[in-house]
Structures are given as structure tokens and as C-alpha cells.
PDB file of N, CA and C in Angstrom:
ATOM      1  N   ASP A   1       0.838  -1.179   0.000  1.00  0.00           N
ATOM      2  CA  ASP A   1       0.000   0.000   0.000  1.00  0.00           C
ATOM      3  C   ASP A   1       0.881   1.240   0.000  1.00  0.00           C
ATOM      4  N   PHE A   2       0.364   2.283  -0.634  1.00  0.00           N
ATOM      5  CA  PHE A   2       1.006   3.592  -0.609  1.00  0.00           C
ATOM      6  C   PHE A   2      -0.089   4.620  -0.421  1.00  0.00           C
ATOM      7  N   ASN A   3       0.022   5.433   0.632  1.00  0.00           N
ATOM      8  CA  ASN A   3      -0.955   6.474   0.923  1.00  0.00           C
ATOM      9  C   ASN A   3      -0.226   7.795   1.097  1.00  0.00           C
ATOM     10  N   SER A   4      -0.775   8.860   0.495  1.00  0.00           N
ATOM     11  CA  SER A   4      -0.175  10.180   0.657  1.00  0.00           C
ATOM     12  C   SER A   4      -1.270  11.231   0.779  1.00  0.00           C
ATOM     13  N   ASN A   5      -0.938  12.313   1.480  1.00  0.00           N
ATOM     14  CA  ASN A   5      -1.854  13.435   1.664  1.00  0.00           C
ATOM     15  C   ASN A   5      -1.088  14.734   1.482  1.00  0.00           C
ATOM     16  N   VAL A   6      -1.725  15.698   0.827  1.00  0.00           N
ATOM     17  CA  VAL A   6      -1.179  17.041   0.699  1.00  0.00           C
ATOM     18  C   VAL A   6      -2.262  17.997   1.169  1.00  0.00           C
ATOM     19  N   VAL A   7      -1.913  18.896   2.103  1.00  0.00           N
ATOM     20  CA  VAL A   7      -2.873  19.859   2.636  1.00  0.00           C
ATOM     21  C   VAL A   7      -2.310  21.260   2.430  1.00  0.00           C
ATOM     22  N   LEU A   8      -3.106  22.119   1.776  1.00  0.00           N
ATOM     23  CA  LEU A   8      -2.753  23.528   1.615  1.00  0.00           C
ATOM     24  C   LEU A   8      -3.749  24.349   2.417  1.00  0.00           C
ATOM     25  N   ARG A   9      -3.247  25.294   3.208  1.00  0.00           N
ATOM     26  CA  ARG A   9      -4.086  26.128   4.068  1.00  0.00           C
ATOM     27  C   ARG A   9      -3.794  27.581   3.749  1.00  0.00           C
ATOM     28  N   TRP A  10      -4.863  28.378   3.544  1.00  0.00           N
ATOM     29  CA  TRP A  10      -4.709  29.786   3.207  1.00  0.00           C
ATOM     30  C   TRP A  10      -5.668  30.602   4.056  1.00  0.00           C
ATOM     31  N   GLU A  11      -5.144  31.558   4.804  1.00  0.00           N
ATOM     32  CA  GLU A  11      -5.982  32.468   5.580  1.00  0.00           C
ATOM     33  C   GLU A  11      -6.211  33.707   4.719  1.00  0.00           C
ATOM     34  N   PHE A  12      -7.368  33.776   4.045  1.00  0.00           N
ATOM     35  CA  PHE A  12      -7.635  34.849   3.094  1.00  0.00           C
ATOM     36  C   PHE A  12      -8.171  36.109   3.755  1.00  0.00           C
ATOM     37  N   ASN A  13      -8.707  36.031   4.944  1.00  0.00           N
ATOM     38  CA  ASN A  13      -9.092  37.150   5.804  1.00  0.00           C
ATOM     39  C   ASN A  13      -8.783  36.720   7.230  1.00  0.00           C
ATOM     40  N   PRO A  14      -8.570  37.668   8.149  1.00  0.00           N
ATOM     41  CA  PRO A  14      -8.325  37.255   9.538  1.00  0.00           C
ATOM     42  C   PRO A  14      -9.457  36.368  10.070  1.00  0.00           C
ATOM     43  N   GLY A  15      -9.127  35.151  10.466  1.00  0.00           N
ATOM     44  CA  GLY A  15     -10.113  34.209  10.990  1.00  0.00           C
ATOM     45  C   GLY A  15     -10.834  33.390   9.940  1.00  0.00           C
ATOM     46  N   SER A  16     -10.614  33.664   8.652  1.00  0.00           N
ATOM     47  CA  SER A  16     -11.281  32.928   7.569  1.00  0.00           C
ATOM     48  C   SER A  16     -10.248  32.092   6.821  1.00  0.00           C
ATOM     49  N   LEU A  17     -10.538  30.807   6.654  1.00  0.00           N
ATOM     50  CA  LEU A  17      -9.553  29.872   6.105  1.00  0.00           C
ATOM     51  C   LEU A  17     -10.100  29.098   4.913  1.00  0.00           C
ATOM     52  N   LEU A  18      -9.193  28.744   4.012  1.00  0.00           N
ATOM     53  CA  LEU A  18      -9.493  27.865   2.885  1.00  0.00           C
ATOM     54  C   LEU A  18      -8.505  26.705   2.950  1.00  0.00           C
ATOM     55  N   TYR A  19      -9.029  25.481   2.916  1.00  0.00           N
ATOM     56  CA  TYR A  19      -8.204  24.274   2.908  1.00  0.00           C
ATOM     57  C   TYR A  19      -8.415  23.541   1.588  1.00  0.00           C
ATOM     58  N   LEU A  20      -7.333  23.115   0.970  1.00  0.00           N
ATOM     59  CA  LEU A  20      -7.369  22.243  -0.198  1.00  0.00           C
ATOM     60  C   LEU A  20      -6.613  20.973   0.181  1.00  0.00           C
ATOM     61  N   VAL A  21      -7.238  19.822  -0.026  1.00  0.00           N
ATOM     62  CA  VAL A  21      -6.638  18.545   0.369  1.00  0.00           C
ATOM     63  C   VAL A  21      -6.651  17.597  -0.819  1.00  0.00           C
ATOM     64  N   TRP A  22      -5.519  16.955  -1.052  1.00  0.00           N
ATOM     65  CA  TRP A  22      -5.424  15.897  -2.063  1.00  0.00           C
ATOM     66  C   TRP A  22      -4.911  14.653  -1.355  1.00  0.00           C
ATOM     67  N   SER A  23      -5.649  13.581  -1.485  1.00  0.00           N
ATOM     68  CA  SER A  23      -5.286  12.308  -0.867  1.00  0.00           C
ATOM     69  C   SER A  23      -5.227  11.246  -1.963  1.00  0.00           C
ATOM     70  N   GLN A  24      -4.171  10.441  -1.942  1.00  0.00           N
ATOM     71  CA  GLN A  24      -4.016   9.391  -2.953  1.00  0.00           C
ATOM     72  C   GLN A  24      -3.638   8.086  -2.270  1.00  0.00           C
ATOM     73  N   SER A  25      -4.237   7.002  -2.736  1.00  0.00           N
ATOM     74  CA  SER A  25      -3.869   5.678  -2.229  1.00  0.00           C
ATOM     75  C   SER A  25      -3.708   4.722  -3.401  1.00  0.00           C
ATOM     76  N   ARG A  26      -2.791   3.797  -3.232  1.00  0.00           N
ATOM     77  CA  ARG A  26      -2.539   2.745  -4.221  1.00  0.00           C
ATOM     78  C   ARG A  26      -2.371   1.439  -3.466  1.00  0.00           C
ATOM     79  N   SER A  27      -2.896   0.385  -4.035  1.00  0.00           N
ATOM     80  CA  SER A  27      -2.768  -0.915  -3.392  1.00  0.00           C
ATOM     81  C   SER A  27      -2.597  -1.981  -4.461  1.00  0.00           C
ATOM     82  N   ASP A  28      -1.590  -2.818  -4.270  1.00  0.00           N
ATOM     83  CA  ASP A  28      -1.345  -3.925  -5.188  1.00  0.00           C
ATOM     84  C   ASP A  28      -0.858  -5.098  -4.345  1.00  0.00           C
ATOM     85  N   PHE A  29      -1.649  -6.145  -4.260  1.00  0.00           N
ATOM     86  CA  PHE A  29      -1.297  -7.291  -3.430  1.00  0.00           C
ATOM     87  C   PHE A  29      -1.056  -8.504  -4.301  1.00  0.00           C
ATOM     88  N   VAL A  30       0.126  -9.073  -4.144  1.00  0.00           N
ATOM     89  CA  VAL A  30       0.465 -10.338  -4.784  1.00  0.00           C
ATOM     90  C   VAL A  30       0.953 -11.243  -3.660  1.00  0.00           C
ATOM     91  N   GLY A  31       0.247 -12.318  -3.403  1.00  0.00           N
ATOM     92  CA  GLY A  31       0.546 -13.178  -2.262  1.00  0.00           C
ATOM     93  C   GLY A  31       1.653 -14.180  -2.500  1.00  0.00           C
ATOM     94  N   GLN A  32       2.784 -13.752  -3.054  1.00  0.00           N
ATOM     95  CA  GLN A  32       3.879 -14.674  -3.333  1.00  0.00           C
ATOM     96  C   GLN A  32       4.799 -14.874  -2.134  1.00  0.00           C
ATOM     97  N   GLY A  33       4.861 -13.922  -1.211  1.00  0.00           N
ATOM     98  CA  GLY A  33       5.688 -14.060  -0.027  1.00  0.00           C
ATOM     99  C   GLY A  33       7.136 -13.653  -0.198  1.00  0.00           C
ATOM    100  N   ASP A  34       7.554 -13.214  -1.384  1.00  0.00           N
ATOM    101  CA  ASP A  34       8.925 -12.746  -1.551  1.00  0.00           C
ATOM    102  C   ASP A  34       8.921 -11.233  -1.767  1.00  0.00           C
ATOM    103  N   PHE A  35      10.078 -10.617  -1.542  1.00  0.00           N
ATOM    104  CA  PHE A  35      10.200  -9.164  -1.592  1.00  0.00           C
ATOM    105  C   PHE A  35      11.297  -8.773  -2.562  1.00  0.00           C
ATOM    106  N   HIS A  36      10.935  -8.022  -3.589  1.00  0.00           N
ATOM    107  CA  HIS A  36      11.871  -7.480  -4.570  1.00  0.00           C
ATOM    108  C   HIS A  36      11.560  -5.992  -4.694  1.00  0.00           C
ATOM    109  N   PRO A  37      12.314  -5.120  -3.988  1.00  0.00           N
ATOM    110  CA  PRO A  37      11.955  -3.705  -3.897  1.00  0.00           C
ATOM    111  C   PRO A  37      11.724  -3.015  -5.237  1.00  0.00           C
ATOM    112  N   GLY A  38      12.612  -3.167  -6.184  1.00  0.00           N
ATOM    113  CA  GLY A  38      12.452  -2.502  -7.478  1.00  0.00           C
ATOM    114  C   GLY A  38      11.209  -2.966  -8.213  1.00  0.00           C
ATOM    115  N   HIS A  39      11.030  -4.254  -8.300  1.00  0.00           N
ATOM    116  CA  HIS A  39       9.871  -4.815  -8.998  1.00  0.00           C
ATOM    117  C   HIS A  39       8.577  -4.464  -8.281  1.00  0.00           C
ATOM    118  N   ASP A  40       8.584  -4.545  -6.943  1.00  0.00           N
ATOM    119  CA  ASP A  40       7.369  -4.260  -6.178  1.00  0.00           C
ATOM    120  C   ASP A  40       6.952  -2.799  -6.307  1.00  0.00           C
ATOM    121  N   LEU A  41       7.920  -1.861  -6.293  1.00  0.00           N
ATOM    122  CA  LEU A  41       7.579  -0.445  -6.465  1.00  0.00           C
ATOM    123  C   LEU A  41       7.063  -0.174  -7.868  1.00  0.00           C
ATOM    124  N   ASP A  42       7.681  -0.784  -8.881  1.00  0.00           N
ATOM    125  CA  ASP A  42       7.184  -0.625 -10.251  1.00  0.00           C
ATOM    126  C   ASP A  42       5.753  -1.126 -10.364  1.00  0.00           C
ATOM    127  N   ALA A  43       5.468  -2.265  -9.756  1.00  0.00           N
ATOM    128  CA  ALA A  43       4.114  -2.823  -9.803  1.00  0.00           C
ATOM    129  C   ALA A  43       3.132  -1.928  -9.055  1.00  0.00           C
ATOM    130  N   LEU A  44       3.543  -1.399  -7.902  1.00  0.00           N
ATOM    131  CA  LEU A  44       2.659  -0.546  -7.110  1.00  0.00           C
ATOM    132  C   LEU A  44       2.320   0.742  -7.843  1.00  0.00           C
ATOM    133  N   PHE A  45       3.319   1.382  -8.459  1.00  0.00           N
ATOM    134  CA  PHE A  45       3.054   2.633  -9.162  1.00  0.00           C
ATOM    135  C   PHE A  45       2.501   2.412 -10.563  1.00  0.00           C
ATOM    136  N   GLY A  46       2.383   1.174 -10.983  1.00  0.00           N
ATOM    137  CA  GLY A  46       1.701   0.858 -12.230  1.00  0.00           C
ATOM    138  C   GLY A  46       0.205   0.656 -12.040  1.00  0.00           C
ATOM    139  N   VAL A  47      -0.237   0.613 -10.774  1.00  0.00           N
ATOM    140  CA  VAL A  47      -1.649   0.421 -10.434  1.00  0.00           C
ATOM    141  C   VAL A  47      -2.363   1.766 -10.492  1.00  0.00           C
ATOM    142  N   ARG A  48      -3.597   1.740 -10.934  1.00  0.00           N
ATOM    143  CA  ARG A  48      -4.390   2.968 -11.000  1.00  0.00           C
ATOM    144  C   ARG A  48      -4.646   3.499  -9.583  1.00  0.00           C
ATOM    145  N   PRO A  49      -4.364   4.797  -9.335  1.00  0.00           N
ATOM    146  CA  PRO A  49      -4.536   5.346  -7.986  1.00  0.00           C
ATOM    147  C   PRO A  49      -5.990   5.701  -7.693  1.00  0.00           C
ATOM    148  N   HIS A  50      -6.288   5.800  -6.416  1.00  0.00           N
ATOM    149  CA  HIS A  50      -7.583   6.295  -5.945  1.00  0.00           C
ATOM    150  C   HIS A  50      -7.323   7.696  -5.383  1.00  0.00           C
ATOM    151  N   ASP A  51      -7.835   8.731  -6.067  1.00  0.00           N
ATOM    152  CA  ASP A  51      -7.606  10.118  -5.677  1.00  0.00           C
ATOM    153  C   ASP A  51      -8.858  10.715  -5.058  1.00  0.00           C
ATOM    154  N   VAL A  52      -8.659  11.533  -4.029  1.00  0.00           N
ATOM    155  CA  VAL A  52      -9.745  12.273  -3.389  1.00  0.00           C
ATOM    156  C   VAL A  52      -9.296  13.723  -3.266  1.00  0.00           C
ATOM    157  N   PHE A  53     -10.159  14.662  -3.698  1.00  0.00           N
ATOM    158  CA  PHE A  53      -9.900  16.088  -3.577  1.00  0.00           C
ATOM    159  C   PHE A  53     -10.980  16.702  -2.693  1.00  0.00           C
ATOM    160  N   LEU A  54     -10.568  17.506  -1.725  1.00  0.00           N
ATOM    161  CA  LEU A  54     -11.499  18.139  -0.801  1.00  0.00           C
ATOM    162  C   LEU A  54     -11.213  19.632  -0.720  1.00  0.00           C
ATOM    163  N   ILE A  55     -12.284  20.422  -0.560  1.00  0.00           N
ATOM    164  CA  ILE A  55     -12.173  21.858  -0.331  1.00  0.00           C
ATOM    165  C   ILE A  55     -13.011  22.188   0.892  1.00  0.00           C
ATOM    166  N   LYS A  56     -12.429  22.960   1.799  1.00  0.00           N
ATOM    167  CA  LYS A  56     -13.161  23.394   2.986  1.00  0.00           C
ATOM    168  C   LYS A  56     -12.931  24.887   3.163  1.00  0.00           C
ATOM    169  N   VAL A  57     -14.018  25.625   3.405  1.00  0.00           N
ATOM    170  CA  VAL A  57     -13.932  27.057   3.663  1.00  0.00           C
ATOM    171  C   VAL A  57     -14.530  27.330   5.033  1.00  0.00           C
ATOM    172  N   SER A  58     -13.785  28.049   5.855  1.00  0.00           N
ATOM    173  CA  SER A  58     -14.271  28.507   7.159  1.00  0.00           C
ATOM    174  C   SER A  58     -14.278  30.027   7.127  1.00  0.00           C
ATOM    175  N   LYS A  59     -15.438  30.632   7.315  1.00  0.00           N
ATOM    176  CA  LYS A  59     -15.587  32.086   7.237  1.00  0.00           C
ATOM    177  C   LYS A  59     -15.915  32.641   8.611  1.00  0.00           C
ATOM    178  N   TRP A  60     -15.152  33.643   9.049  1.00  0.00           N
ATOM    179  CA  TRP A  60     -15.404  34.295  10.329  1.00  0.00           C
ATOM    180  C   TRP A  60     -16.566  35.255  10.153  1.00  0.00           C
ATOM    181  N   LEU A  61     -17.594  35.095  10.992  1.00  0.00           N
ATOM    182  CA  LEU A  61     -18.752  35.988  10.983  1.00  0.00           C
ATOM    183  C   LEU A  61     -18.720  36.841  12.242  1.00  0.00           C
ATOM    184  N   SER A  62     -18.632  38.136  12.048  1.00  0.00           N
ATOM    185  CA  SER A  62     -18.627  39.058  13.181  1.00  0.00           C
ATOM    186  C   SER A  62     -20.064  39.455  13.483  1.00  0.00           C
ATOM    187  N   LEU A  63     -20.560  39.022  14.638  1.00  0.00           N
ATOM    188  CA  LEU A  63     -21.956  39.301  14.990  1.00  0.00           C
ATOM    189  C   LEU A  63     -22.057  40.412  15.986  1.00  0.00           C
TER     190      LEU A  63
END
């Protein structure tokens, strides 16, 4: 398995935030029981990834 996350945070006004998140996972299982780092990484990055993109906005409301 390979999982990664990237989070960008921007405060566009005092107390107001914008978050952008990219999450990616890859999984490739071969039950052979042996380990070959070069071959295994090539196989893992040859698998189609599962990507998730998220946006979150928090706005400060002065009441």
C-alpha cells in the first residue's frame, strides 16, 4: 500500500480559512511471499490510484 496526503491552508481574511486537500492511495497485493523492492515499487506505481480532492472554507462571521 502507498498512501499520501497534501494539505494547503490559506488564511484569506483574519479568521477565515481555505483548505485544499489531495489524498491518494494505491494498493497492489500479490501473495507470493517474496520481496523485490524494485519490482514491487514498479508494480505498485503501475496500479491505478484512488484520488480524493477536498475543499473546505471557514468564514469568520462578526456578529
